[in-house]
Amino acid sequence: MAEDKTYKAEYLGSGTFTISKPKRTKAKRRQTNLKNPQRGARK
């Protein structure tokens, strides 16, 4: 589980990487949605 929460870039060759990063928490996604309301939502 601890490995899932770290940033990691794995080189596959010829300029190709697989990049893994931790998922955003539900609380952080909620804050983002509250501070950035969807465009045109009030119309």
Protein backbone atom coordinates (compact mmCIF):
# COMPACT_ATOMS: atom_id res chain seq x y z
CA MET A 1 0.00 0.00 0.00
CA ALA A 2 2.87 2.38 0.77
CA GLU A 3 4.27 2.03 -2.75
CA ASP A 4 0.97 3.24 -4.23
CA LYS A 5 1.35 6.64 -2.54
CA THR A 6 4.73 7.60 -3.98
CA TYR A 7 5.63 9.33 -7.20
CA LYS A 8 7.52 6.98 -9.48
CA ALA A 9 8.74 7.20 -13.08
CA GLU A 10 9.84 4.01 -14.78
CA TYR A 11 11.90 4.18 -17.95
CA LEU A 12 10.73 1.74 -20.63
CA GLY A 13 13.18 2.71 -23.36
CA SER A 14 13.34 5.12 -26.32
CA GLY A 15 12.02 8.08 -24.35
CA THR A 16 9.02 6.23 -22.91
CA PHE A 17 8.17 6.43 -19.22
CA THR A 18 5.36 5.09 -17.06
CA ILE A 19 4.56 7.63 -14.36
CA SER A 20 2.60 6.61 -11.28
CA LYS A 21 1.43 9.09 -8.67
CA PRO A 22 -0.86 8.95 -5.64
CA LYS A 23 -4.59 9.39 -6.10
CA ARG A 24 -6.19 12.56 -4.75
CA THR A 25 -8.12 12.22 -1.53
CA LYS A 26 -11.88 12.69 -1.55
CA ALA A 27 -11.62 15.73 0.75
CA LYS A 28 -9.19 17.48 -1.58
CA ARG A 29 -11.38 16.81 -4.62
CA ARG A 30 -14.36 18.25 -2.76
CA GLN A 31 -12.44 21.42 -1.88
CA THR A 32 -11.40 21.86 -5.51
CA ASN A 33 -14.98 21.54 -6.70
CA LEU A 34 -16.24 24.02 -4.12
CA LYS A 35 -13.64 26.64 -4.97
CA ASN A 36 -13.98 26.18 -8.74
CA PRO A 37 -17.67 25.92 -9.56
CA GLN A 38 -18.53 24.50 -12.96
CA ARG A 39 -18.61 27.10 -15.71
CA GLY A 40 -22.14 28.21 -16.57
CA ALA A 41 -23.71 26.44 -13.60
CA ARG A 42 -25.73 29.47 -12.48
CA LYS A 43 -27.27 30.25 -15.84
